[in-house]
Amino acid sequence: MTRNTRLLLASLLLLALQLLAVGCATIKPYERELLAQRIMDFDKAKAEEAKERHWLETLEGSTGGIGGSGGGCACN
């Protein structure tokens, strides 16, 4: 290998290591609450889907075969 090739490979390796090191961070437990995105919590998504389904059923005055009956007045 020539000197230029070794220098190029060493530079690329150093750059790759720097890019990998930038992604490493230590997060304290109380900071996770602020950094987490709601889309990552699947249980909340189910609860929101149920609320939206109830809202749509109430708005349209119908149920989608899930059970229960009701009118458009939301007085179930």
PDB file of N, CA and C in Angstrom:
ATOM      1  N   MET A   1       0.837  -1.180   0.000  1.00  0.00           N
ATOM      2  CA  MET A   1       0.000   0.000   0.000  1.00  0.00           C
ATOM      3  C   MET A   1       0.884   1.247   0.000  1.00  0.00           C
ATOM      4  N   THR A   2       0.400   2.219  -0.650  1.00  0.00           N
ATOM      5  CA  THR A   2       1.156   3.462  -0.675  1.00  0.00           C
ATOM      6  C   THR A   2       0.827   4.285   0.557  1.00  0.00           C
ATOM      7  N   ARG A   3       1.612   5.277   0.769  1.00  0.00           N
ATOM      8  CA  ARG A   3       1.429   6.128   1.955  1.00  0.00           C
ATOM      9  C   ARG A   3       0.099   6.879   1.873  1.00  0.00           C
ATOM     10  N   ASN A   4      -0.273   7.329   0.690  1.00  0.00           N
ATOM     11  CA  ASN A   4      -1.528   8.054   0.511  1.00  0.00           C
ATOM     12  C   ASN A   4      -2.737   7.167   0.808  1.00  0.00           C
ATOM     13  N   THR A   5      -2.662   5.906   0.401  1.00  0.00           N
ATOM     14  CA  THR A   5      -3.760   4.968   0.646  1.00  0.00           C
ATOM     15  C   THR A   5      -3.903   4.703   2.137  1.00  0.00           C
ATOM     16  N   ARG A   6      -2.801   4.533   2.830  1.00  0.00           N
ATOM     17  CA  ARG A   6      -2.848   4.312   4.281  1.00  0.00           C
ATOM     18  C   ARG A   6      -3.417   5.536   4.998  1.00  0.00           C
ATOM     19  N   LEU A   7      -3.005   6.708   4.569  1.00  0.00           N
ATOM     20  CA  LEU A   7      -3.494   7.945   5.176  1.00  0.00           C
ATOM     21  C   LEU A   7      -4.997   8.091   4.953  1.00  0.00           C
ATOM     22  N   LEU A   8      -5.467   7.763   3.761  1.00  0.00           N
ATOM     23  CA  LEU A   8      -6.888   7.837   3.453  1.00  0.00           C
ATOM     24  C   LEU A   8      -7.685   6.843   4.296  1.00  0.00           C
ATOM     25  N   LEU A   9      -7.212   5.611   4.401  1.00  0.00           N
ATOM     26  CA  LEU A   9      -7.904   4.603   5.213  1.00  0.00           C
ATOM     27  C   LEU A   9      -7.916   4.991   6.684  1.00  0.00           C
ATOM     28  N   ALA A  10      -6.805   5.521   7.180  1.00  0.00           N
ATOM     29  CA  ALA A  10      -6.744   5.949   8.576  1.00  0.00           C
ATOM     30  C   ALA A  10      -7.703   7.107   8.818  1.00  0.00           C
ATOM     31  N   SER A  11      -7.796   8.018   7.879  1.00  0.00           N
ATOM     32  CA  SER A  11      -8.717   9.148   8.016  1.00  0.00           C
ATOM     33  C   SER A  11     -10.159   8.683   8.020  1.00  0.00           C
ATOM     34  N   LEU A  12     -10.495   7.768   7.128  1.00  0.00           N
ATOM     35  CA  LEU A  12     -11.860   7.243   7.080  1.00  0.00           C
ATOM     36  C   LEU A  12     -12.214   6.478   8.352  1.00  0.00           C
ATOM     37  N   LEU A  13     -11.272   5.722   8.870  1.00  0.00           N
ATOM     38  CA  LEU A  13     -11.504   4.986  10.108  1.00  0.00           C
ATOM     39  C   LEU A  13     -11.710   5.948  11.270  1.00  0.00           C
ATOM     40  N   LEU A  14     -10.920   6.981  11.342  1.00  0.00           N
ATOM     41  CA  LEU A  14     -11.061   7.978  12.395  1.00  0.00           C
ATOM     42  C   LEU A  14     -12.400   8.693  12.284  1.00  0.00           C
ATOM     43  N   LEU A  15     -12.791   9.033  11.083  1.00  0.00           N
ATOM     44  CA  LEU A  15     -14.079   9.686  10.867  1.00  0.00           C
ATOM     45  C   LEU A  15     -15.235   8.774  11.293  1.00  0.00           C
ATOM     46  N   ALA A  16     -15.151   7.503  10.942  1.00  0.00           N
ATOM     47  CA  ALA A  16     -16.204   6.553  11.322  1.00  0.00           C
ATOM     48  C   ALA A  16     -16.293   6.408  12.840  1.00  0.00           C
ATOM     49  N   LEU A  17     -15.161   6.347  13.516  1.00  0.00           N
ATOM     50  CA  LEU A  17     -15.158   6.244  14.977  1.00  0.00           C
ATOM     51  C   LEU A  17     -15.738   7.497  15.618  1.00  0.00           C
ATOM     52  N   GLN A  18     -15.443   8.652  15.060  1.00  0.00           N
ATOM     53  CA  GLN A  18     -15.993   9.896  15.598  1.00  0.00           C
ATOM     54  C   GLN A  18     -17.510   9.939  15.421  1.00  0.00           C
ATOM     55  N   LEU A  19     -17.985   9.501  14.282  1.00  0.00           N
ATOM     56  CA  LEU A  19     -19.428   9.485  14.052  1.00  0.00           C
ATOM     57  C   LEU A  19     -20.140   8.516  14.993  1.00  0.00           C
ATOM     58  N   LEU A  20     -19.513   7.397  15.271  1.00  0.00           N
ATOM     59  CA  LEU A  20     -20.110   6.438  16.208  1.00  0.00           C
ATOM     60  C   LEU A  20     -20.104   6.976  17.633  1.00  0.00           C
ATOM     61  N   ALA A  21     -19.066   7.682  18.002  1.00  0.00           N
ATOM     62  CA  ALA A  21     -18.957   8.207  19.366  1.00  0.00           C
ATOM     63  C   ALA A  21     -19.958   9.323  19.626  1.00  0.00           C
ATOM     64  N   VAL A  22     -20.338  10.058  18.600  1.00  0.00           N
ATOM     65  CA  VAL A  22     -21.278  11.154  18.774  1.00  0.00           C
ATOM     66  C   VAL A  22     -22.650  10.634  19.168  1.00  0.00           C
ATOM     67  N   GLY A  23     -23.036   9.458  18.705  1.00  0.00           N
ATOM     68  CA  GLY A  23     -24.346   8.905  18.992  1.00  0.00           C
ATOM     69  C   GLY A  23     -24.494   8.343  20.387  1.00  0.00           C
ATOM     70  N   CYS A  24     -23.413   8.216  21.136  1.00  0.00           N
ATOM     71  CA  CYS A  24     -23.467   7.654  22.474  1.00  0.00           C
ATOM     72  C   CYS A  24     -23.753   8.759  23.484  1.00  0.00           C
ATOM     73  N   ALA A  25     -24.767   8.559  24.287  1.00  0.00           N
ATOM     74  CA  ALA A  25     -25.114   9.541  25.309  1.00  0.00           C
ATOM     75  C   ALA A  25     -25.710   8.814  26.502  1.00  0.00           C
ATOM     76  N   THR A  26     -25.441   9.323  27.675  1.00  0.00           N
ATOM     77  CA  THR A  26     -26.015   8.772  28.894  1.00  0.00           C
ATOM     78  C   THR A  26     -27.194   9.643  29.300  1.00  0.00           C
ATOM     79  N   ILE A  27     -28.335   9.005  29.464  1.00  0.00           N
ATOM     80  CA  ILE A  27     -29.558   9.713  29.808  1.00  0.00           C
ATOM     81  C   ILE A  27     -29.980   9.312  31.211  1.00  0.00           C
ATOM     82  N   LYS A  28     -30.281  10.300  32.029  1.00  0.00           N
ATOM     83  CA  LYS A  28     -30.771  10.024  33.379  1.00  0.00           C
ATOM     84  C   LYS A  28     -32.245   9.641  33.301  1.00  0.00           C
ATOM     85  N   PRO A  29     -32.719   8.828  34.256  1.00  0.00           N
ATOM     86  CA  PRO A  29     -34.107   8.357  34.193  1.00  0.00           C
ATOM     87  C   PRO A  29     -35.142   9.477  34.114  1.00  0.00           C
ATOM     88  N   TYR A  30     -34.918  10.578  34.799  1.00  0.00           N
ATOM     89  CA  TYR A  30     -35.914  11.646  34.773  1.00  0.00           C
ATOM     90  C   TYR A  30     -35.873  12.435  33.464  1.00  0.00           C
ATOM     91  N   GLU A  31     -34.819  12.282  32.667  1.00  0.00           N
ATOM     92  CA  GLU A  31     -34.742  12.948  31.376  1.00  0.00           C
ATOM     93  C   GLU A  31     -35.430  12.143  30.274  1.00  0.00           C
ATOM     94  N   ARG A  32     -35.627  10.881  30.492  1.00  0.00           N
ATOM     95  CA  ARG A  32     -36.245  10.022  29.472  1.00  0.00           C
ATOM     96  C   ARG A  32     -37.669  10.450  29.171  1.00  0.00           C
ATOM     97  N   GLU A  33     -38.350  10.968  30.188  1.00  0.00           N
ATOM     98  CA  GLU A  33     -39.723  11.401  30.001  1.00  0.00           C
ATOM     99  C   GLU A  33     -39.810  12.508  28.949  1.00  0.00           C
ATOM    100  N   LEU A  34     -38.843  13.410  28.953  1.00  0.00           N
ATOM    101  CA  LEU A  34     -38.857  14.522  28.012  1.00  0.00           C
ATOM    102  C   LEU A  34     -38.404  14.109  26.621  1.00  0.00           C
ATOM    103  N   LEU A  35     -37.564  13.077  26.525  1.00  0.00           N
ATOM    104  CA  LEU A  35     -37.005  12.679  25.243  1.00  0.00           C
ATOM    105  C   LEU A  35     -37.843  11.634  24.513  1.00  0.00           C
ATOM    106  N   ALA A  36     -38.710  10.941  25.235  1.00  0.00           N
ATOM    107  CA  ALA A  36     -39.510   9.878  24.619  1.00  0.00           C
ATOM    108  C   ALA A  36     -40.611  10.478  23.752  1.00  0.00           C
ATOM    109  N   GLN A  37     -40.897   9.824  22.657  1.00  0.00           N
ATOM    110  CA  GLN A  37     -41.971  10.267  21.784  1.00  0.00           C
ATOM    111  C   GLN A  37     -43.211   9.431  22.056  1.00  0.00           C
ATOM    112  N   ARG A  38     -44.377  10.041  21.972  1.00  0.00           N
ATOM    113  CA  ARG A  38     -45.619   9.339  22.288  1.00  0.00           C
ATOM    114  C   ARG A  38     -45.881   8.192  21.320  1.00  0.00           C
ATOM    115  N   ILE A  39     -45.384   8.306  20.112  1.00  0.00           N
ATOM    116  CA  ILE A  39     -45.653   7.270  19.118  1.00  0.00           C
ATOM    117  C   ILE A  39     -44.984   5.953  19.495  1.00  0.00           C
ATOM    118  N   MET A  40     -43.979   5.990  20.352  1.00  0.00           N
ATOM    119  CA  MET A  40     -43.256   4.784  20.740  1.00  0.00           C
ATOM    120  C   MET A  40     -43.986   3.982  21.818  1.00  0.00           C
ATOM    121  N   ASP A  41     -44.981   4.580  22.458  1.00  0.00           N
ATOM    122  CA  ASP A  41     -45.720   3.895  23.515  1.00  0.00           C
ATOM    123  C   ASP A  41     -46.986   3.292  22.912  1.00  0.00           C
ATOM    124  N   PHE A  42     -46.990   1.984  22.741  1.00  0.00           N
ATOM    125  CA  PHE A  42     -48.092   1.323  22.057  1.00  0.00           C
ATOM    126  C   PHE A  42     -49.362   1.287  22.901  1.00  0.00           C
ATOM    127  N   ASP A  43     -49.240   1.234  24.222  1.00  0.00           N
ATOM    128  CA  ASP A  43     -50.432   1.194  25.062  1.00  0.00           C
ATOM    129  C   ASP A  43     -51.224   2.488  24.966  1.00  0.00           C
ATOM    130  N   LYS A  44     -50.532   3.620  24.912  1.00  0.00           N
ATOM    131  CA  LYS A  44     -51.238   4.893  24.788  1.00  0.00           C
ATOM    132  C   LYS A  44     -51.916   4.995  23.433  1.00  0.00           C
ATOM    133  N   ALA A  45     -51.291   4.427  22.404  1.00  0.00           N
ATOM    134  CA  ALA A  45     -51.897   4.472  21.084  1.00  0.00           C
ATOM    135  C   ALA A  45     -53.226   3.718  21.089  1.00  0.00           C
ATOM    136  N   LYS A  46     -53.295   2.593  21.807  1.00  0.00           N
ATOM    137  CA  LYS A  46     -54.546   1.836  21.881  1.00  0.00           C
ATOM    138  C   LYS A  46     -55.623   2.644  22.590  1.00  0.00           C
ATOM    139  N   ALA A  47     -55.243   3.323  23.669  1.00  0.00           N
ATOM    140  CA  ALA A  47     -56.206   4.139  24.395  1.00  0.00           C
ATOM    141  C   ALA A  47     -56.697   5.294  23.525  1.00  0.00           C
ATOM    142  N   GLU A  48     -55.800   5.908  22.784  1.00  0.00           N
ATOM    143  CA  GLU A  48     -56.209   7.003  21.904  1.00  0.00           C
ATOM    144  C   GLU A  48     -57.098   6.499  20.780  1.00  0.00           C
ATOM    145  N   GLU A  49     -56.809   5.308  20.253  1.00  0.00           N
ATOM    146  CA  GLU A  49     -57.661   4.739  19.212  1.00  0.00           C
ATOM    147  C   GLU A  49     -59.059   4.466  19.751  1.00  0.00           C
ATOM    148  N   ALA A  50     -59.150   3.991  20.979  1.00  0.00           N
ATOM    149  CA  ALA A  50     -60.461   3.730  21.574  1.00  0.00           C
ATOM    150  C   ALA A  50     -61.240   5.033  21.760  1.00  0.00           C
ATOM    151  N   LYS A  51     -60.546   6.086  22.188  1.00  0.00           N
ATOM    152  CA  LYS A  51     -61.215   7.379  22.346  1.00  0.00           C
ATOM    153  C   LYS A  51     -61.702   7.913  21.008  1.00  0.00           C
ATOM    154  N   GLU A  52     -60.847   7.786  19.993  1.00  0.00           N
ATOM    155  CA  GLU A  52     -61.233   8.276  18.672  1.00  0.00           C
ATOM    156  C   GLU A  52     -62.396   7.467  18.114  1.00  0.00           C
ATOM    157  N   ARG A  53     -62.361   6.141  18.311  1.00  0.00           N
ATOM    158  CA  ARG A  53     -63.455   5.291  17.836  1.00  0.00           C
ATOM    159  C   ARG A  53     -64.759   5.680  18.531  1.00  0.00           C
ATOM    160  N   HIS A  54     -64.698   5.925  19.843  1.00  0.00           N
ATOM    161  CA  HIS A  54     -65.899   6.327  20.582  1.00  0.00           C
ATOM    162  C   HIS A  54     -66.415   7.666  20.061  1.00  0.00           C
ATOM    163  N   TRP A  55     -65.483   8.582  19.798  1.00  0.00           N
ATOM    164  CA  TRP A  55     -65.877   9.891  19.298  1.00  0.00           C
ATOM    165  C   TRP A  55     -66.561   9.773  17.938  1.00  0.00           C
ATOM    166  N   LEU A  56     -65.990   8.952  17.049  1.00  0.00           N
ATOM    167  CA  LEU A  56     -66.592   8.784  15.730  1.00  0.00           C
ATOM    168  C   LEU A  56     -67.946   8.104  15.817  1.00  0.00           C
ATOM    169  N   GLU A  57     -68.076   7.097  16.690  1.00  0.00           N
ATOM    170  CA  GLU A  57     -69.362   6.421  16.855  1.00  0.00           C
ATOM    171  C   GLU A  57     -70.407   7.393  17.378  1.00  0.00           C
ATOM    172  N   THR A  58     -70.004   8.240  18.300  1.00  0.00           N
ATOM    173  CA  THR A  58     -70.928   9.218  18.854  1.00  0.00           C
ATOM    174  C   THR A  58     -71.315  10.242  17.797  1.00  0.00           C
ATOM    175  N   LEU A  59     -70.351  10.671  17.019  1.00  0.00           N
ATOM    176  CA  LEU A  59     -70.610  11.668  15.987  1.00  0.00           C
ATOM    177  C   LEU A  59     -71.561  11.134  14.922  1.00  0.00           C
ATOM    178  N   GLU A  60     -71.339   9.902  14.510  1.00  0.00           N
ATOM    179  CA  GLU A  60     -72.146   9.324  13.444  1.00  0.00           C
ATOM    180  C   GLU A  60     -73.428   8.671  13.957  1.00  0.00           C
ATOM    181  N   GLY A  61     -73.520   8.431  15.245  1.00  0.00           N
ATOM    182  CA  GLY A  61     -74.700   7.790  15.795  1.00  0.00           C
ATOM    183  C   GLY A  61     -74.757   6.313  15.466  1.00  0.00           C
ATOM    184  N   SER A  62     -73.611   5.672  15.347  1.00  0.00           N
ATOM    185  CA  SER A  62     -73.586   4.255  15.001  1.00  0.00           C
ATOM    186  C   SER A  62     -72.431   3.577  15.718  1.00  0.00           C
ATOM    187  N   THR A  63     -72.504   2.256  15.773  1.00  0.00           N
ATOM    188  CA  THR A  63     -71.374   1.494  16.304  1.00  0.00           C
ATOM    189  C   THR A  63     -70.903   0.558  15.216  1.00  0.00           C
ATOM    190  N   GLY A  64     -69.651   0.240  15.236  1.00  0.00           N
ATOM    191  CA  GLY A  64     -69.063  -0.569  14.173  1.00  0.00           C
ATOM    192  C   GLY A  64     -69.008  -2.043  14.466  1.00  0.00           C
ATOM    193  N   GLY A  65     -69.998  -2.603  15.090  1.00  0.00           N
ATOM    194  CA  GLY A  65     -70.020  -4.024  15.367  1.00  0.00           C
ATOM    195  C   GLY A  65     -69.163  -4.416  16.554  1.00  0.00           C
ATOM    196  N   ILE A  66     -68.765  -3.453  17.333  1.00  0.00           N
ATOM    197  CA  ILE A  66     -67.920  -3.720  18.494  1.00  0.00           C
ATOM    198  C   ILE A  66     -68.781  -4.081  19.686  1.00  0.00           C
ATOM    199  N   GLY A  67     -70.004  -3.727  19.651  1.00  0.00           N
ATOM    200  CA  GLY A  67     -70.904  -4.011  20.753  1.00  0.00           C
ATOM    201  C   GLY A  67     -71.470  -2.727  21.290  1.00  0.00           C
ATOM    202  N   GLY A  68     -72.580  -2.842  21.949  1.00  0.00           N
ATOM    203  CA  GLY A  68     -73.204  -1.666  22.516  1.00  0.00           C
ATOM    204  C   GLY A  68     -74.025  -0.924  21.470  1.00  0.00           C
ATOM    205  N   SER A  69     -74.901  -0.109  21.964  1.00  0.00           N
ATOM    206  CA  SER A  69     -75.715   0.682  21.058  1.00  0.00           C
ATOM    207  C   SER A  69     -75.775   2.087  21.620  1.00  0.00           C
ATOM    208  N   GLY A  70     -76.141   2.988  20.798  1.00  0.00           N
ATOM    209  CA  GLY A  70     -76.235   4.363  21.270  1.00  0.00           C
ATOM    210  C   GLY A  70     -76.642   5.265  20.137  1.00  0.00           C
ATOM    211  N   GLY A  71     -77.030   6.442  20.532  1.00  0.00           N
ATOM    212  CA  GLY A  71     -77.435   7.424  19.551  1.00  0.00           C
ATOM    213  C   GLY A  71     -76.367   8.471  19.385  1.00  0.00           C
ATOM    214  N   GLY A  72     -76.702   9.531  18.729  1.00  0.00           N
ATOM    215  CA  GLY A  72     -75.740  10.578  18.469  1.00  0.00           C
ATOM    216  C   GLY A  72     -75.629  11.584  19.599  1.00  0.00           C
ATOM    217  N   CYS A  73     -76.347  11.359  20.705  1.00  0.00           N
ATOM    218  CA  CYS A  73     -76.344  12.353  21.783  1.00  0.00           C
ATOM    219  C   CYS A  73     -75.231  12.130  22.786  1.00  0.00           C
ATOM    220  N   ALA A  74     -74.467  11.053  22.694  1.00  0.00           N
ATOM    221  CA  ALA A  74     -73.357  10.716  23.599  1.00  0.00           C
ATOM    222  C   ALA A  74     -73.824  10.522  25.025  1.00  0.00           C
ATOM    223  N   CYS A  75     -75.020  10.011  25.205  1.00  0.00           N
ATOM    224  CA  CYS A  75     -75.547   9.784  26.553  1.00  0.00           C
ATOM    225  C   CYS A  75     -75.597   8.299  26.877  1.00  0.00           C
ATOM    226  N   ASN A  76     -74.560   7.575  26.485  1.00  0.00           N
ATOM    227  CA  ASN A  76     -74.537   6.121  26.702  1.00  0.00           C
ATOM    228  C   ASN A  76     -74.587   5.828  28.152  1.00  0.00           C
TER     229      ASN A  76
END
